Amino acid sequence: MLTDLISVRAKLFTAFFTTKAAGKGTGWGLSIGYQIVTQKYWGTWKCLSSLEGGTELAIGIPI
């Protein structure tokens, strides 16, 4: 279970990666959002999740 979580977190912001069934997702959403935040605004985007459940995406944009 921990190995699965680490594996998914490593690919989370990669284009075309999805955990949904075949034909049910494009894998673009987080990838595009990540690129906008980190490349256009020089911000940070981190995924905080736990085995107990729940995921939090923390986005930081410098002012």
PDB file of N, CA and C in Angstrom:
ATOM      1  N   MET A   1       0.824  -1.198   0.000  1.00  0.00           N
ATOM      2  CA  MET A   1       0.000   0.000   0.000  1.00  0.00           C
ATOM      3  C   MET A   1       0.869   1.262   0.000  1.00  0.00           C
ATOM      4  N   LEU A   2       1.894   1.303   0.856  1.00  0.00           N
ATOM      5  CA  LEU A   2       2.803   2.448   0.895  1.00  0.00           C
ATOM      6  C   LEU A   2       3.542   2.588  -0.428  1.00  0.00           C
ATOM      7  N   THR A   3       3.928   1.472  -1.010  1.00  0.00           N
ATOM      8  CA  THR A   3       4.616   1.496  -2.300  1.00  0.00           C
ATOM      9  C   THR A   3       3.711   2.096  -3.370  1.00  0.00           C
ATOM     10  N   ASP A   4       2.428   1.767  -3.357  1.00  0.00           N
ATOM     11  CA  ASP A   4       1.477   2.321  -4.318  1.00  0.00           C
ATOM     12  C   ASP A   4       1.363   3.842  -4.146  1.00  0.00           C
ATOM     13  N   LEU A   5       1.288   4.300  -2.901  1.00  0.00           N
ATOM     14  CA  LEU A   5       1.166   5.732  -2.621  1.00  0.00           C
ATOM     15  C   LEU A   5       2.396   6.475  -3.126  1.00  0.00           C
ATOM     16  N   ILE A   6       3.565   5.948  -2.857  1.00  0.00           N
ATOM     17  CA  ILE A   6       4.805   6.583  -3.311  1.00  0.00           C
ATOM     18  C   ILE A   6       4.876   6.583  -4.825  1.00  0.00           C
ATOM     19  N   SER A   7       4.481   5.492  -5.457  1.00  0.00           N
ATOM     20  CA  SER A   7       4.496   5.392  -6.910  1.00  0.00           C
ATOM     21  C   SER A   7       3.567   6.410  -7.551  1.00  0.00           C
ATOM     22  N   VAL A   8       2.376   6.573  -7.019  1.00  0.00           N
ATOM     23  CA  VAL A   8       1.412   7.529  -7.568  1.00  0.00           C
ATOM     24  C   VAL A   8       1.899   8.956  -7.341  1.00  0.00           C
ATOM     25  N   ARG A   9       2.413   9.264  -6.153  1.00  0.00           N
ATOM     26  CA  ARG A   9       2.890  10.619  -5.866  1.00  0.00           C
ATOM     27  C   ARG A   9       4.036  11.020  -6.782  1.00  0.00           C
ATOM     28  N   ALA A  10       4.869  10.056  -7.174  1.00  0.00           N
ATOM     29  CA  ALA A  10       6.004  10.351  -8.052  1.00  0.00           C
ATOM     30  C   ALA A  10       5.539  10.749  -9.456  1.00  0.00           C
ATOM     31  N   LYS A  11       4.373  10.272  -9.875  1.00  0.00           N
ATOM     32  CA  LYS A  11       3.873  10.525 -11.230  1.00  0.00           C
ATOM     33  C   LYS A  11       2.722  11.519 -11.271  1.00  0.00           C
ATOM     34  N   LEU A  12       2.302  12.021 -10.140  1.00  0.00           N
ATOM     35  CA  LEU A  12       1.071  12.791 -10.011  1.00  0.00           C
ATOM     36  C   LEU A  12       0.951  13.971 -10.980  1.00  0.00           C
ATOM     37  N   PHE A  13       2.029  14.696 -11.197  1.00  0.00           N
ATOM     38  CA  PHE A  13       1.978  15.890 -12.037  1.00  0.00           C
ATOM     39  C   PHE A  13       2.480  15.633 -13.461  1.00  0.00           C
ATOM     40  N   THR A  14       2.638  14.364 -13.833  1.00  0.00           N
ATOM     41  CA  THR A  14       3.076  13.989 -15.170  1.00  0.00           C
ATOM     42  C   THR A  14       1.883  13.995 -16.128  1.00  0.00           C
ATOM     43  N   ALA A  15       2.085  14.569 -17.297  1.00  0.00           N
ATOM     44  CA  ALA A  15       1.009  14.610 -18.290  1.00  0.00           C
ATOM     45  C   ALA A  15       0.561  13.198 -18.663  1.00  0.00           C
ATOM     46  N   PHE A  16      -0.711  13.019 -18.838  1.00  0.00           N
ATOM     47  CA  PHE A  16      -1.376  11.772 -19.234  1.00  0.00           C
ATOM     48  C   PHE A  16      -1.423  10.709 -18.141  1.00  0.00           C
ATOM     49  N   PHE A  17      -0.940  10.993 -16.930  1.00  0.00           N
ATOM     50  CA  PHE A  17      -1.029  10.013 -15.848  1.00  0.00           C
ATOM     51  C   PHE A  17      -2.406  10.118 -15.197  1.00  0.00           C
ATOM     52  N   THR A  18      -3.064   8.989 -15.037  1.00  0.00           N
ATOM     53  CA  THR A  18      -4.357   8.949 -14.359  1.00  0.00           C
ATOM     54  C   THR A  18      -4.478   7.637 -13.588  1.00  0.00           C
ATOM     55  N   THR A  19      -5.218   7.682 -12.511  1.00  0.00           N
ATOM     56  CA  THR A  19      -5.488   6.471 -11.734  1.00  0.00           C
ATOM     57  C   THR A  19      -6.868   5.912 -12.090  1.00  0.00           C
ATOM     58  N   LYS A  20      -7.552   6.583 -12.991  1.00  0.00           N
ATOM     59  CA  LYS A  20      -8.887   6.140 -13.405  1.00  0.00           C
ATOM     60  C   LYS A  20      -8.779   4.987 -14.402  1.00  0.00           C
ATOM     61  N   ALA A  21      -9.892   4.316 -14.613  1.00  0.00           N
ATOM     62  CA  ALA A  21      -9.937   3.209 -15.575  1.00  0.00           C
ATOM     63  C   ALA A  21      -9.673   3.725 -16.982  1.00  0.00           C
ATOM     64  N   ALA A  22      -9.256   2.833 -17.860  1.00  0.00           N
ATOM     65  CA  ALA A  22      -8.968   3.200 -19.253  1.00  0.00           C
ATOM     66  C   ALA A  22     -10.172   3.879 -19.886  1.00  0.00           C
ATOM     67  N   GLY A  23      -9.937   5.007 -20.534  1.00  0.00           N
ATOM     68  CA  GLY A  23     -10.999   5.749 -21.199  1.00  0.00           C
ATOM     69  C   GLY A  23     -11.787   6.673 -20.288  1.00  0.00           C
ATOM     70  N   LYS A  24     -11.425   6.760 -18.997  1.00  0.00           N
ATOM     71  CA  LYS A  24     -12.192   7.572 -18.049  1.00  0.00           C
ATOM     72  C   LYS A  24     -11.480   8.844 -17.612  1.00  0.00           C
ATOM     73  N   GLY A  25     -10.268   9.064 -18.060  1.00  0.00           N
ATOM     74  CA  GLY A  25      -9.557  10.278 -17.671  1.00  0.00           C
ATOM     75  C   GLY A  25      -8.468  10.600 -18.676  1.00  0.00           C
ATOM     76  N   THR A  26      -8.136  11.886 -18.770  1.00  0.00           N
ATOM     77  CA  THR A  26      -7.106  12.283 -19.734  1.00  0.00           C
ATOM     78  C   THR A  26      -5.744  12.437 -19.080  1.00  0.00           C
ATOM     79  N   GLY A  27      -5.715  12.730 -17.787  1.00  0.00           N
ATOM     80  CA  GLY A  27      -4.449  12.932 -17.110  1.00  0.00           C
ATOM     81  C   GLY A  27      -3.839  14.302 -17.367  1.00  0.00           C
ATOM     82  N   TRP A  28      -4.657  15.277 -17.759  1.00  0.00           N
ATOM     83  CA  TRP A  28      -4.153  16.615 -18.055  1.00  0.00           C
ATOM     84  C   TRP A  28      -4.304  17.596 -16.903  1.00  0.00           C
ATOM     85  N   GLY A  29      -5.317  17.458 -16.078  1.00  0.00           N
ATOM     86  CA  GLY A  29      -5.662  18.473 -15.083  1.00  0.00           C
ATOM     87  C   GLY A  29      -4.538  18.902 -14.163  1.00  0.00           C
ATOM     88  N   LEU A  30      -3.969  17.997 -13.409  1.00  0.00           N
ATOM     89  CA  LEU A  30      -2.919  18.357 -12.466  1.00  0.00           C
ATOM     90  C   LEU A  30      -1.640  18.759 -13.185  1.00  0.00           C
ATOM     91  N   SER A  31      -1.370  18.155 -14.313  1.00  0.00           N
ATOM     92  CA  SER A  31      -0.172  18.485 -15.079  1.00  0.00           C
ATOM     93  C   SER A  31      -0.195  19.939 -15.546  1.00  0.00           C
ATOM     94  N   ILE A  32      -1.312  20.368 -16.110  1.00  0.00           N
ATOM     95  CA  ILE A  32      -1.431  21.744 -16.594  1.00  0.00           C
ATOM     96  C   ILE A  32      -1.406  22.729 -15.433  1.00  0.00           C
ATOM     97  N   GLY A  33      -2.141  22.430 -14.384  1.00  0.00           N
ATOM     98  CA  GLY A  33      -2.148  23.294 -13.205  1.00  0.00           C
ATOM     99  C   GLY A  33      -0.756  23.441 -12.606  1.00  0.00           C
ATOM    100  N   TYR A  34      -0.031  22.341 -12.520  1.00  0.00           N
ATOM    101  CA  TYR A  34       1.323  22.352 -11.972  1.00  0.00           C
ATOM    102  C   TYR A  34       2.242  23.228 -12.824  1.00  0.00           C
ATOM    103  N   GLN A  35       2.149  23.096 -14.133  1.00  0.00           N
ATOM    104  CA  GLN A  35       2.984  23.904 -15.029  1.00  0.00           C
ATOM    105  C   GLN A  35       2.679  25.394 -14.899  1.00  0.00           C
ATOM    106  N   ILE A  36       1.418  25.745 -14.801  1.00  0.00           N
ATOM    107  CA  ILE A  36       1.039  27.157 -14.664  1.00  0.00           C
ATOM    108  C   ILE A  36       1.595  27.735 -13.372  1.00  0.00           C
ATOM    109  N   VAL A  37       1.391  27.035 -12.274  1.00  0.00           N
ATOM    110  CA  VAL A  37       1.835  27.545 -10.972  1.00  0.00           C
ATOM    111  C   VAL A  37       3.354  27.628 -10.891  1.00  0.00           C
ATOM    112  N   THR A  38       4.054  26.589 -11.332  1.00  0.00           N
ATOM    113  CA  THR A  38       5.509  26.549 -11.152  1.00  0.00           C
ATOM    114  C   THR A  38       6.291  27.300 -12.227  1.00  0.00           C
ATOM    115  N   GLN A  39       5.821  27.285 -13.461  1.00  0.00           N
ATOM    116  CA  GLN A  39       6.584  27.909 -14.538  1.00  0.00           C
ATOM    117  C   GLN A  39       6.178  29.358 -14.813  1.00  0.00           C
ATOM    118  N   LYS A  40       4.898  29.645 -14.763  1.00  0.00           N
ATOM    119  CA  LYS A  40       4.455  31.011 -15.053  1.00  0.00           C
ATOM    120  C   LYS A  40       4.561  31.924 -13.836  1.00  0.00           C
ATOM    121  N   TYR A  41       4.243  31.384 -12.649  1.00  0.00           N
ATOM    122  CA  TYR A  41       4.220  32.215 -11.447  1.00  0.00           C
ATOM    123  C   TYR A  41       5.344  31.893 -10.461  1.00  0.00           C
ATOM    124  N   TRP A  42       6.243  31.008 -10.824  1.00  0.00           N
ATOM    125  CA  TRP A  42       7.376  30.612  -9.982  1.00  0.00           C
ATOM    126  C   TRP A  42       6.945  30.164  -8.588  1.00  0.00           C
ATOM    127  N   GLY A  43       5.825  29.493  -8.535  1.00  0.00           N
ATOM    128  CA  GLY A  43       5.275  29.028  -7.267  1.00  0.00           C
ATOM    129  C   GLY A  43       5.628  27.580  -6.994  1.00  0.00           C
ATOM    130  N   THR A  44       5.002  27.050  -5.968  1.00  0.00           N
ATOM    131  CA  THR A  44       5.194  25.650  -5.584  1.00  0.00           C
ATOM    132  C   THR A  44       3.840  24.967  -5.512  1.00  0.00           C
ATOM    133  N   TRP A  45       3.842  23.681  -5.759  1.00  0.00           N
ATOM    134  CA  TRP A  45       2.624  22.888  -5.690  1.00  0.00           C
ATOM    135  C   TRP A  45       3.026  21.539  -5.139  1.00  0.00           C
ATOM    136  N   LYS A  46       2.512  21.194  -3.978  1.00  0.00           N
ATOM    137  CA  LYS A  46       2.886  19.947  -3.322  1.00  0.00           C
ATOM    138  C   LYS A  46       1.651  19.114  -3.007  1.00  0.00           C
ATOM    139  N   CYS A  47       1.833  17.819  -3.012  1.00  0.00           N
ATOM    140  CA  CYS A  47       0.770  16.890  -2.664  1.00  0.00           C
ATOM    141  C   CYS A  47       1.070  16.321  -1.281  1.00  0.00           C
ATOM    142  N   LEU A  48       0.134  16.489  -0.377  1.00  0.00           N
ATOM    143  CA  LEU A  48       0.257  15.959   0.981  1.00  0.00           C
ATOM    144  C   LEU A  48      -0.854  14.934   1.173  1.00  0.00           C
ATOM    145  N   SER A  49      -0.487  13.678   1.312  1.00  0.00           N
ATOM    146  CA  SER A  49      -1.497  12.639   1.475  1.00  0.00           C
ATOM    147  C   SER A  49      -1.030  11.639   2.521  1.00  0.00           C
ATOM    148  N   SER A  50      -1.983  10.858   3.007  1.00  0.00           N
ATOM    149  CA  SER A  50      -1.653   9.863   4.024  1.00  0.00           C
ATOM    150  C   SER A  50      -2.343   8.548   3.696  1.00  0.00           C
ATOM    151  N   LEU A  51      -1.834   7.489   4.266  1.00  0.00           N
ATOM    152  CA  LEU A  51      -2.431   6.180   4.052  1.00  0.00           C
ATOM    153  C   LEU A  51      -3.810   6.076   4.686  1.00  0.00           C
ATOM    154  N   GLU A  52      -4.069   6.894   5.703  1.00  0.00           N
ATOM    155  CA  GLU A  52      -5.370   6.865   6.376  1.00  0.00           C
ATOM    156  C   GLU A  52      -6.471   7.442   5.495  1.00  0.00           C
ATOM    157  N   GLY A  53      -6.084   8.160   4.473  1.00  0.00           N
ATOM    158  CA  GLY A  53      -7.059   8.725   3.555  1.00  0.00           C
ATOM    159  C   GLY A  53      -6.991  10.227   3.514  1.00  0.00           C
ATOM    160  N   GLY A  54      -7.434  10.769   2.434  1.00  0.00           N
ATOM    161  CA  GLY A  54      -7.436  12.211   2.266  1.00  0.00           C
ATOM    162  C   GLY A  54      -6.169  12.714   1.601  1.00  0.00           C
ATOM    163  N   THR A  55      -6.336  13.708   0.766  1.00  0.00           N
ATOM    164  CA  THR A  55      -5.218  14.310   0.063  1.00  0.00           C
ATOM    165  C   THR A  55      -5.399  15.818   0.071  1.00  0.00           C
ATOM    166  N   GLU A  56      -4.299  16.523   0.265  1.00  0.00           N
ATOM    167  CA  GLU A  56      -4.309  17.973   0.273  1.00  0.00           C
ATOM    168  C   GLU A  56      -3.284  18.458  -0.745  1.00  0.00           C
ATOM    169  N   LEU A  57      -3.681  19.385  -1.601  1.00  0.00           N
ATOM    170  CA  LEU A  57      -2.756  20.000  -2.534  1.00  0.00           C
ATOM    171  C   LEU A  57      -2.447  21.397  -1.996  1.00  0.00           C
ATOM    172  N   ALA A  58      -1.171  21.650  -1.723  1.00  0.00           N
ATOM    173  CA  ALA A  58      -0.744  22.938  -1.200  1.00  0.00           C
ATOM    174  C   ALA A  58      -0.086  23.742  -2.316  1.00  0.00           C
ATOM    175  N   ILE A  59      -0.662  24.889  -2.626  1.00  0.00           N
ATOM    176  CA  ILE A  59      -0.163  25.742  -3.695  1.00  0.00           C
ATOM    177  C   ILE A  59       0.367  27.023  -3.077  1.00  0.00           C
ATOM    178  N   GLY A  60       1.604  27.390  -3.428  1.00  0.00           N
ATOM    179  CA  GLY A  60       2.199  28.621  -2.947  1.00  0.00           C
ATOM    180  C   GLY A  60       2.622  29.482  -4.123  1.00  0.00           C
ATOM    181  N   ILE A  61       2.176  30.749  -4.124  1.00  0.00           N
ATOM    182  CA  ILE A  61       2.534  31.676  -5.188  1.00  0.00           C
ATOM    183  C   ILE A  61       3.175  32.901  -4.534  1.00  0.00           C
ATOM    184  N   PRO A  62       4.422  33.209  -4.914  1.00  0.00           N
ATOM    185  CA  PRO A  62       5.086  34.365  -4.304  1.00  0.00           C
ATOM    186  C   PRO A  62       4.423  35.680  -4.701  1.00  0.00           C
ATOM    187  N   ILE A  63       4.401  36.599  -3.772  1.00  0.00           N
ATOM    188  CA  ILE A  63       3.785  37.911  -4.015  1.00  0.00           C
ATOM    189  C   ILE A  63       4.872  38.931  -4.272  1.00  0.00           C
TER     190      ILE A  63
END
